[in-house]
Amino acid sequence: MSGTCAIPSTTGAVRAVLWSVDCNTRDLAHRGYEAITGSQTFQLALTQVLIIYVALVGYRLLFAADGARLSDGPRMALKIGAVLALVSSWSVFETLAFDLAAKAPAEIAALISDGGRTGAQDPIGRLQVAYDQLSSSAAAFTAAATTQNGQQTAPQVTPPTTTSPQDAEQADAMAKREAAGRALGAASAAVLVVDAGLVAVSTLMIGVLGAIGPIFIVLLIFQQTRGFFVGWVRALTAAALVSMSVWLLDLLMTAVLQPWLVALAQQRALKQLEPGAAMTAATIVFVFTAAQLALVAGAGVIAFGFRLVWGQATASAAAPAAGSGGAETAVSPPAMVSRPSLLADQLRRFDGVLEARGRTASGSATGAAFAGVDRVILAGGSTDPYRRAAQARDNLGRRGAFR
């Protein structure tokens, strides 16, 4: 990747992994975004998609194929504006999408763990200190398990025939120190592989999703392809939740582990190693590691609960109204009737009413008949617009019989 992401060799393992992954991931996301949005193929495809979308919107407003209204215009304009803003400027995309998923989780976790205090210690530094202390203690316990009174013990070719209580006690102490060294070694590996590794994995996911983000943002325009955009948002949200939960547990683990790390450091300085403190520190690390793996599954469940129901509220709100109107409401006219047909039907009905009212002065009997025709026309006779139009024509035919 970029040469600016070079990490000094004196940096600890945790810092080296997290800093290197974060720097290279941000560089990958930026270069991927610029490569996609700057290509002529993407610009041409975006232009064609917008032309098709505007044509479909005009068709819906003209023929009312799915109940489109002029009041939907601001929502459609807002959607197009959001898409164009996110795919035309890296700074906007970086602020609203990438930084929100990459930087916010660690900041929220640090804010929660430190109780809102400012100037908190670097989370990566705290995790690095924990890893270094566990590794040093593991090496000290492993070295102490192979020595006796400061001298290296030679391996026994044949087991002794008799064992004194003092020898048995020393052998038991050496076995405990050896077990404590292995436990601390496994704990330090868990801190590096699981605790820091999960943060690195979530950061890599955010970087890859950010690099290909413009493709999925454009798919938000059409309802048929909106599911791909929803899936992209879910994946980005899951990565951010994983990062936040892992950082929160890492900071909590370092706070719980700090007294035991201090005790182990003092024991190393005094050369009085106690396996009990080492086993306790290793157990704390293992418990928090298991909790982090469980929270990863929980973050996935939470992220996949995201739903985008924008533009579907009208249909869902109309369903209860259709069911509460009785049998007559259930046979309401379908939404596929075009606006010109409805307008022509209304004009025919209005002309019939005016013609009937104009002949009321010709005679009382004829006027009464026309009044009955008017009531039939005004009542509609049926809920079907096409049937109402046919009924209006029949009524006009009956008027000719009265003449």
Protein backbone atom coordinates (compact mmCIF):
# COMPACT_ATOMS: atom_id res chain seq x y z
CA MET A 1 0.00 0.00 0.00
CA SER A 2 1.09 3.56 0.59
CA GLY A 3 4.54 4.29 1.98
CA THR A 4 3.02 6.57 4.61
CA CYS A 5 1.69 3.48 6.42
CA ALA A 6 5.18 2.25 7.42
CA ILE A 7 5.25 1.23 11.11
CA PRO A 8 8.49 1.49 13.17
CA SER A 9 10.07 -1.81 14.18
CA THR A 10 10.14 -0.78 17.84
CA THR A 11 6.35 -0.58 17.99
CA GLY A 12 4.62 -3.35 19.92
CA ALA A 13 2.76 -6.16 18.22
CA VAL A 14 -0.73 -4.85 19.03
CA ARG A 15 0.07 -1.31 17.89
CA ALA A 16 1.76 -2.57 14.74
CA VAL A 17 -1.22 -4.71 13.76
CA LEU A 18 -3.93 -2.14 14.47
CA TRP A 19 -2.09 0.90 13.10
CA SER A 20 -1.02 -0.89 9.95
CA VAL A 21 -4.50 -2.28 9.28
CA ASP A 22 -6.19 1.06 9.94
CA CYS A 23 -3.84 3.07 7.72
CA ASN A 24 -3.86 0.65 4.81
CA THR A 25 -7.61 0.12 5.05
CA ARG A 26 -8.32 3.85 4.84
CA ASP A 27 -5.97 4.09 1.86
CA LEU A 28 -7.75 1.16 0.19
CA ALA A 29 -11.18 2.70 0.74
CA HIS A 30 -10.09 6.08 -0.63
CA ARG A 31 -8.39 4.70 -3.73
CA GLY A 32 -11.26 2.29 -4.42
CA TYR A 33 -13.85 5.05 -4.11
CA GLU A 34 -11.92 7.35 -6.43
CA ALA A 35 -11.33 4.57 -8.95
CA ILE A 36 -15.03 3.66 -9.16
CA THR A 37 -16.56 7.14 -9.15
CA GLY A 38 -13.92 8.57 -11.45
CA SER A 39 -14.35 6.00 -14.21
CA GLN A 40 -16.32 6.91 -17.34
CA THR A 41 -18.26 3.65 -17.16
CA PHE A 42 -19.64 4.50 -13.74
CA GLN A 43 -20.53 8.06 -14.75
CA LEU A 44 -22.32 6.85 -17.88
CA ALA A 45 -24.20 4.19 -15.93
CA LEU A 46 -25.21 6.74 -13.29
CA THR A 47 -26.56 9.10 -15.97
CA GLN A 48 -28.57 6.34 -17.61
CA VAL A 49 -29.98 5.20 -14.28
CA LEU A 50 -31.15 8.73 -13.46
CA ILE A 51 -32.77 9.12 -16.90
CA ILE A 52 -34.66 5.85 -16.50
CA TYR A 53 -35.73 6.79 -12.99
CA VAL A 54 -37.09 10.19 -14.07
CA ALA A 55 -38.97 8.57 -16.97
CA LEU A 56 -40.55 6.01 -14.63
CA VAL A 57 -41.53 8.74 -12.19
CA GLY A 58 -43.24 10.67 -15.01
CA TYR A 59 -45.11 7.54 -16.12
CA ARG A 60 -46.31 6.88 -12.57
CA LEU A 61 -47.52 10.44 -12.10
CA LEU A 62 -49.35 10.43 -15.45
CA PHE A 63 -51.09 7.06 -15.28
CA ALA A 64 -51.14 6.47 -11.51
CA ALA A 65 -50.00 2.90 -12.02
CA ASP A 66 -49.19 2.39 -8.34
CA GLY A 67 -50.83 5.33 -6.63
CA ALA A 68 -48.05 7.88 -7.16
CA ARG A 69 -48.84 11.46 -6.09
CA LEU A 70 -47.23 14.83 -6.54
CA SER A 71 -46.60 14.89 -2.80
CA ASP A 72 -44.01 12.12 -3.36
CA GLY A 73 -41.84 14.57 -5.29
CA PRO A 74 -39.83 15.94 -2.32
CA ARG A 75 -39.03 12.43 -1.13
CA MET A 76 -37.82 11.39 -4.59
CA ALA A 77 -35.74 14.56 -4.95
CA LEU A 78 -34.20 13.98 -1.52
CA LYS A 79 -33.26 10.42 -2.46
CA ILE A 80 -31.61 11.49 -5.71
CA GLY A 81 -29.78 14.32 -3.94
CA ALA A 82 -28.45 11.97 -1.25
CA VAL A 83 -27.22 9.50 -3.87
CA LEU A 84 -25.47 12.19 -5.91
CA ALA A 85 -23.85 13.71 -2.81
CA LEU A 86 -22.47 10.36 -1.62
CA VAL A 87 -21.08 9.26 -5.00
CA SER A 88 -19.62 12.61 -6.06
CA SER A 89 -17.53 13.65 -3.04
CA TRP A 90 -15.12 11.52 -1.00
CA SER A 91 -15.19 13.99 1.89
CA VAL A 92 -18.97 13.63 2.22
CA PHE A 93 -18.82 9.84 1.95
CA GLU A 94 -15.90 9.67 4.38
CA THR A 95 -17.72 11.75 6.99
CA LEU A 96 -21.18 10.19 6.70
CA ALA A 97 -20.26 6.54 6.05
CA PHE A 98 -16.60 5.59 6.49
CA ASP A 99 -15.66 7.57 9.62
CA LEU A 100 -19.02 6.81 11.20
CA ALA A 101 -18.27 3.10 10.94
CA ALA A 102 -14.47 3.19 11.48
CA LYS A 103 -13.80 5.89 14.09
CA ALA A 104 -17.04 6.25 16.02
CA PRO A 105 -17.02 2.74 17.63
CA ALA A 106 -13.65 3.23 19.37
CA GLU A 107 -14.59 6.73 20.52
CA ILE A 108 -17.94 5.58 21.91
CA ALA A 109 -16.29 2.65 23.69
CA ALA A 110 -13.64 4.92 25.25
CA LEU A 111 -16.32 7.40 26.31
CA ILE A 112 -18.40 4.69 27.99
CA SER A 113 -15.50 2.94 29.70
CA ASP A 114 -13.98 6.16 31.07
CA GLY A 115 -17.26 7.58 32.28
CA GLY A 116 -17.25 10.56 29.92
CA ARG A 117 -13.91 11.94 31.14
CA THR A 118 -11.76 13.76 28.62
CA GLY A 119 -8.11 13.01 28.00
CA ALA A 120 -8.55 9.27 28.41
CA GLN A 121 -5.66 6.93 27.77
CA ASP A 122 -5.19 5.56 24.28
CA PRO A 123 -7.21 2.31 23.96
CA ILE A 124 -4.54 0.75 21.74
CA GLY A 125 -1.88 1.67 24.30
CA ARG A 126 -3.82 0.02 27.10
CA LEU A 127 -4.21 -3.16 25.08
CA GLN A 128 -0.50 -3.09 24.18
CA VAL A 129 0.49 -2.78 27.86
CA ALA A 130 -1.70 -5.75 28.76
CA TYR A 131 -0.15 -7.85 26.01
CA ASP A 132 3.41 -6.92 27.01
CA GLN A 133 2.84 -7.66 30.69
CA LEU A 134 1.22 -11.01 30.00
CA SER A 135 4.04 -12.01 27.63
CA SER A 136 6.76 -10.99 30.11
CA SER A 137 5.06 -12.85 32.96
CA ALA A 138 4.61 -15.94 30.78
CA ALA A 139 8.33 -15.94 29.94
CA ALA A 140 9.25 -15.46 33.61
CA PHE A 141 7.08 -18.35 34.79
CA THR A 142 8.37 -20.63 32.04
CA ALA A 143 11.96 -19.83 32.95
CA ALA A 144 11.29 -20.33 36.68
CA ALA A 145 9.73 -23.72 36.01
CA THR A 146 13.04 -25.08 34.68
CA THR A 147 15.30 -23.79 37.44
CA GLN A 148 15.85 -24.82 41.03
CA ASN A 149 17.57 -22.48 43.48
CA GLY A 150 18.91 -20.41 40.62
CA GLN A 151 20.57 -23.41 38.85
CA GLN A 152 19.43 -25.16 35.68
CA THR A 153 18.17 -28.64 36.43
CA ALA A 154 19.40 -31.50 34.32
CA PRO A 155 16.80 -33.90 32.98
CA GLN A 156 16.48 -37.18 34.87
CA VAL A 157 17.35 -40.25 32.83
CA THR A 158 15.59 -42.63 35.21
CA PRO A 159 13.08 -41.68 37.88
CA PRO A 160 14.45 -41.81 41.42
CA THR A 161 13.44 -44.76 43.53
CA THR A 162 12.59 -42.65 46.55
CA THR A 163 11.22 -39.10 46.73
CA SER A 164 11.55 -36.89 49.77
CA PRO A 165 8.74 -34.50 50.80
CA GLN A 166 10.94 -31.55 49.90
CA ASP A 167 11.55 -32.88 46.40
CA ALA A 168 7.84 -33.55 45.94
CA GLU A 169 7.01 -29.99 47.03
CA GLN A 170 9.56 -28.52 44.62
CA ALA A 171 8.25 -30.68 41.78
CA ASP A 172 4.70 -29.55 42.51
CA ALA A 173 5.78 -25.87 42.55
CA MET A 174 7.62 -26.29 39.27
CA ALA A 175 4.54 -27.94 37.70
CA LYS A 176 2.32 -25.07 38.87
CA ARG A 177 4.72 -22.48 37.50
CA GLU A 178 4.90 -24.32 34.20
CA ALA A 179 1.10 -24.44 33.98
CA ALA A 180 0.90 -20.75 34.89
CA GLY A 181 3.44 -19.94 32.16
CA ARG A 182 1.42 -21.83 29.56
CA ALA A 183 -1.80 -20.13 30.69
CA LEU A 184 -0.23 -16.68 30.51
CA GLY A 185 1.21 -17.49 27.08
CA ALA A 186 -2.24 -18.54 25.83
CA ALA A 187 -3.76 -15.39 27.37
CA SER A 188 -1.25 -13.12 25.62
CA ALA A 189 -1.96 -14.91 22.34
CA ALA A 190 -5.70 -14.42 22.90
CA VAL A 191 -5.16 -10.69 23.45
CA LEU A 192 -3.26 -10.43 20.16
CA VAL A 193 -5.27 -12.81 18.00
CA VAL A 194 -8.82 -12.41 19.34
CA ASP A 195 -9.02 -9.01 21.02
CA ALA A 196 -6.86 -7.06 18.56
CA GLY A 197 -7.67 -9.45 15.71
CA LEU A 198 -11.42 -8.83 15.85
CA VAL A 199 -10.83 -5.08 15.72
CA ALA A 200 -8.57 -5.57 12.69
CA VAL A 201 -11.11 -7.82 10.96
CA SER A 202 -13.95 -5.31 11.47
CA THR A 203 -11.69 -2.52 10.19
CA LEU A 204 -10.87 -4.53 7.08
CA MET A 205 -14.58 -5.16 6.47
CA ILE A 206 -15.31 -1.43 6.74
CA GLY A 207 -12.49 -0.64 4.31
CA VAL A 208 -13.64 -3.11 1.66
CA LEU A 209 -17.29 -2.07 2.00
CA GLY A 210 -16.26 1.57 1.75
CA ALA A 211 -14.26 0.94 -1.42
CA ILE A 212 -17.25 -0.61 -3.22
CA GLY A 213 -19.82 1.61 -1.52
CA PRO A 214 -20.71 3.81 -4.57
CA ILE A 215 -22.04 0.80 -6.46
CA PHE A 216 -24.54 -0.07 -3.72
CA ILE A 217 -25.49 3.56 -3.12
CA VAL A 218 -26.63 3.90 -6.74
CA LEU A 219 -28.79 0.77 -6.31
CA LEU A 220 -30.85 2.68 -3.73
CA ILE A 221 -32.67 4.53 -6.51
CA PHE A 222 -34.84 1.66 -7.75
CA GLN A 223 -37.13 -0.26 -5.46
CA GLN A 224 -36.27 -3.56 -7.16
CA THR A 225 -32.53 -3.15 -6.38
CA ARG A 226 -32.92 -1.48 -3.00
CA GLY A 227 -32.30 -4.79 -1.23
CA PHE A 228 -28.63 -4.70 -2.26
CA PHE A 229 -28.25 -1.27 -0.63
CA VAL A 230 -29.96 -2.55 2.52
CA GLY A 231 -27.58 -5.53 2.61
CA TRP A 232 -24.59 -3.20 2.26
CA VAL A 233 -25.83 -1.04 5.14
CA ARG A 234 -26.39 -4.14 7.28
CA ALA A 235 -22.85 -5.40 6.64
CA LEU A 236 -21.37 -1.98 7.42
CA THR A 237 -23.47 -1.71 10.58
CA ALA A 238 -22.45 -5.21 11.69
CA ALA A 239 -18.75 -4.35 11.27
CA ALA A 240 -19.19 -1.12 13.25
CA LEU A 241 -21.08 -2.89 16.05
CA VAL A 242 -18.42 -5.61 16.24
CA SER A 243 -15.70 -2.98 16.52
CA MET A 244 -17.57 -1.05 19.20
CA SER A 245 -18.40 -4.11 21.32
CA VAL A 246 -14.85 -5.50 21.07
CA TRP A 247 -13.30 -2.16 22.00
CA LEU A 248 -15.69 -1.77 24.92
CA LEU A 249 -14.81 -5.21 26.29
CA ASP A 250 -11.10 -4.63 25.66
CA LEU A 251 -11.14 -1.45 27.71
CA LEU A 252 -13.16 -3.12 30.44
CA MET A 253 -10.79 -6.10 30.43
CA THR A 254 -7.71 -3.88 30.80
CA ALA A 255 -9.36 -2.08 33.72
CA VAL A 256 -10.18 -5.37 35.47
CA LEU A 257 -6.79 -6.86 34.62
CA GLN A 258 -4.69 -3.89 35.74
CA PRO A 259 -4.30 -4.88 39.47
CA TRP A 260 -3.22 -8.38 38.53
CA LEU A 261 -0.73 -7.10 35.97
CA VAL A 262 0.76 -4.80 38.61
CA ALA A 263 1.04 -7.74 41.01
CA LEU A 264 2.74 -9.89 38.38
CA ALA A 265 5.19 -7.09 37.59
CA GLN A 266 6.11 -6.77 41.26
CA GLN A 267 6.59 -10.53 41.55
CA ARG A 268 8.91 -10.51 38.55
CA ALA A 269 10.95 -7.70 40.11
CA LEU A 270 11.22 -9.55 43.45
CA LYS A 271 11.64 -12.96 41.76
CA GLN A 272 8.81 -14.33 43.87
CA LEU A 273 6.38 -15.69 41.31
CA GLU A 274 2.99 -16.93 42.51
CA PRO A 275 1.06 -19.18 40.11
CA GLY A 276 -2.28 -18.14 41.66
CA ALA A 277 -2.05 -14.56 40.43
CA ALA A 278 -0.96 -15.76 36.99
CA MET A 279 -3.87 -18.20 36.67
CA THR A 280 -6.33 -15.50 37.77
CA ALA A 281 -5.04 -13.05 35.17
CA ALA A 282 -5.20 -15.69 32.43
CA THR A 283 -8.75 -16.66 33.43
CA ILE A 284 -9.88 -13.04 33.21
CA VAL A 285 -8.53 -12.82 29.68
CA PHE A 286 -10.24 -16.06 28.66
CA VAL A 287 -13.61 -14.93 30.07
CA PHE A 288 -13.51 -11.63 28.21
CA THR A 289 -12.41 -13.37 25.03
CA ALA A 290 -15.43 -15.69 25.17
CA ALA A 291 -17.70 -12.68 25.79
CA GLN A 292 -16.27 -10.93 22.73
CA LEU A 293 -17.02 -13.91 20.50
CA ALA A 294 -20.60 -13.97 21.82
CA LEU A 295 -20.99 -10.24 21.16
CA VAL A 296 -19.86 -10.72 17.57
CA ALA A 297 -22.88 -12.96 17.00
CA GLY A 298 -25.10 -10.46 18.82
CA ALA A 299 -23.86 -7.60 16.63
CA GLY A 300 -24.78 -9.59 13.52
CA VAL A 301 -28.30 -10.21 14.83
CA ILE A 302 -28.77 -6.51 15.63
CA ALA A 303 -27.45 -5.36 12.25
CA PHE A 304 -29.67 -7.72 10.27
CA GLY A 305 -32.71 -6.25 12.00
CA PHE A 306 -32.35 -3.13 9.83
CA ARG A 307 -35.27 -2.58 7.45
CA LEU A 308 -35.78 0.13 4.84
CA VAL A 309 -39.55 0.67 4.45
CA TRP A 310 -39.29 4.13 2.90
CA GLY A 311 -42.06 4.57 0.33
CA GLN A 312 -44.09 1.54 1.49
CA ALA A 313 -46.07 3.31 4.21
CA THR A 314 -48.88 4.26 1.83
CA ALA A 315 -49.57 0.69 0.82
CA SER A 316 -49.41 -0.62 4.37
CA ALA A 317 -51.67 2.16 5.64
CA ALA A 318 -54.24 1.52 2.95
CA ALA A 319 -54.56 -2.17 3.82
CA PRO A 320 -56.39 -1.71 7.18
CA ALA A 321 -58.72 0.84 5.60
CA ALA A 322 -59.70 -1.63 2.90
CA GLY A 323 -60.51 -4.30 5.45
CA SER A 324 -62.67 -2.09 7.68
CA GLY A 325 -65.08 -0.83 5.00
CA GLY A 326 -67.23 -3.92 4.65
CA ALA A 327 -68.13 -5.78 1.49
CA GLU A 328 -68.58 -2.65 -0.60
CA THR A 329 -65.09 -1.38 0.29
CA ALA A 330 -63.54 -4.71 -0.63
CA VAL A 331 -64.68 -4.33 -4.27
CA SER A 332 -63.17 -0.85 -4.68
CA PRO A 333 -61.78 -0.02 -8.14
CA PRO A 334 -58.24 -1.23 -8.82
CA ALA A 335 -55.32 1.19 -8.76
CA MET A 336 -54.50 0.47 -12.42
CA VAL A 337 -57.26 2.85 -13.69
CA SER A 338 -55.53 5.75 -15.43
CA ARG A 339 -56.13 9.38 -14.62
CA PRO A 340 -57.44 10.28 -18.12
CA SER A 341 -60.14 7.59 -17.86
CA LEU A 342 -61.26 8.83 -14.46
CA LEU A 343 -61.29 12.43 -15.69
CA ALA A 344 -63.40 11.52 -18.75
CA ASP A 345 -65.86 9.65 -16.53
CA GLN A 346 -66.24 12.66 -14.25
CA LEU A 347 -66.82 14.99 -17.21
CA ARG A 348 -69.53 12.73 -18.64
CA ARG A 349 -71.30 12.62 -15.32
CA PHE A 350 -71.09 16.39 -14.94
CA ASP A 351 -72.51 16.97 -18.45
CA GLY A 352 -75.36 14.61 -17.73
CA VAL A 353 -76.27 16.43 -14.53
CA LEU A 354 -76.27 19.83 -16.28
CA GLU A 355 -78.42 18.53 -19.12
CA ALA A 356 -80.93 17.00 -16.71
CA ARG A 357 -81.22 20.20 -14.70
CA GLY A 358 -81.73 22.27 -17.87
CA ARG A 359 -84.87 20.33 -18.80
CA THR A 360 -86.61 20.51 -15.43
CA ALA A 361 -88.73 23.49 -16.68
CA SER A 362 -90.32 21.51 -19.60
CA GLY A 363 -92.87 19.69 -17.48
CA SER A 364 -93.49 18.32 -14.03
CA ALA A 365 -93.58 14.67 -15.11
CA THR A 366 -90.52 14.99 -17.26
CA GLY A 367 -88.81 17.01 -14.52
CA ALA A 368 -89.55 14.29 -11.99
CA ALA A 369 -88.13 11.68 -14.31
CA PHE A 370 -85.03 13.77 -14.87
CA ALA A 371 -84.66 14.23 -11.12
CA GLY A 372 -84.70 10.47 -10.70
CA VAL A 373 -82.08 10.18 -13.41
CA ASP A 374 -80.01 12.83 -11.63
CA ARG A 375 -80.18 10.91 -8.40
CA VAL A 376 -79.04 7.74 -10.15
CA ILE A 377 -76.17 9.57 -11.83
CA LEU A 378 -75.10 11.35 -8.66
CA ALA A 379 -75.25 8.13 -6.66
CA GLY A 380 -72.95 6.51 -9.17
CA GLY A 381 -74.81 3.20 -9.15
CA SER A 382 -71.59 1.27 -8.69
CA THR A 383 -68.12 1.67 -7.25
CA ASP A 384 -66.51 0.68 -10.56
CA PRO A 385 -65.59 3.79 -12.65
CA TYR A 386 -66.06 1.95 -15.93
CA ARG A 387 -69.45 0.65 -14.80
CA ARG A 388 -70.43 4.18 -13.74
CA ALA A 389 -69.51 5.50 -17.16
CA ALA A 390 -71.64 2.83 -18.89
CA GLN A 391 -74.52 3.57 -16.52
CA ALA A 392 -74.30 7.26 -17.35
CA ARG A 393 -74.59 6.48 -21.05
CA ASP A 394 -77.66 4.30 -20.42
CA ASN A 395 -79.27 7.10 -18.44
CA LEU A 396 -78.65 9.53 -21.28
CA GLY A 397 -80.34 7.05 -23.63
CA ARG A 398 -83.37 6.90 -21.37
CA ARG A 399 -83.56 10.69 -21.46
CA GLY A 400 -84.06 10.51 -25.21
CA ALA A 401 -87.13 8.33 -24.63
CA PHE A 402 -88.72 11.09 -22.55
CA ARG A 403 -88.34 13.64 -25.34
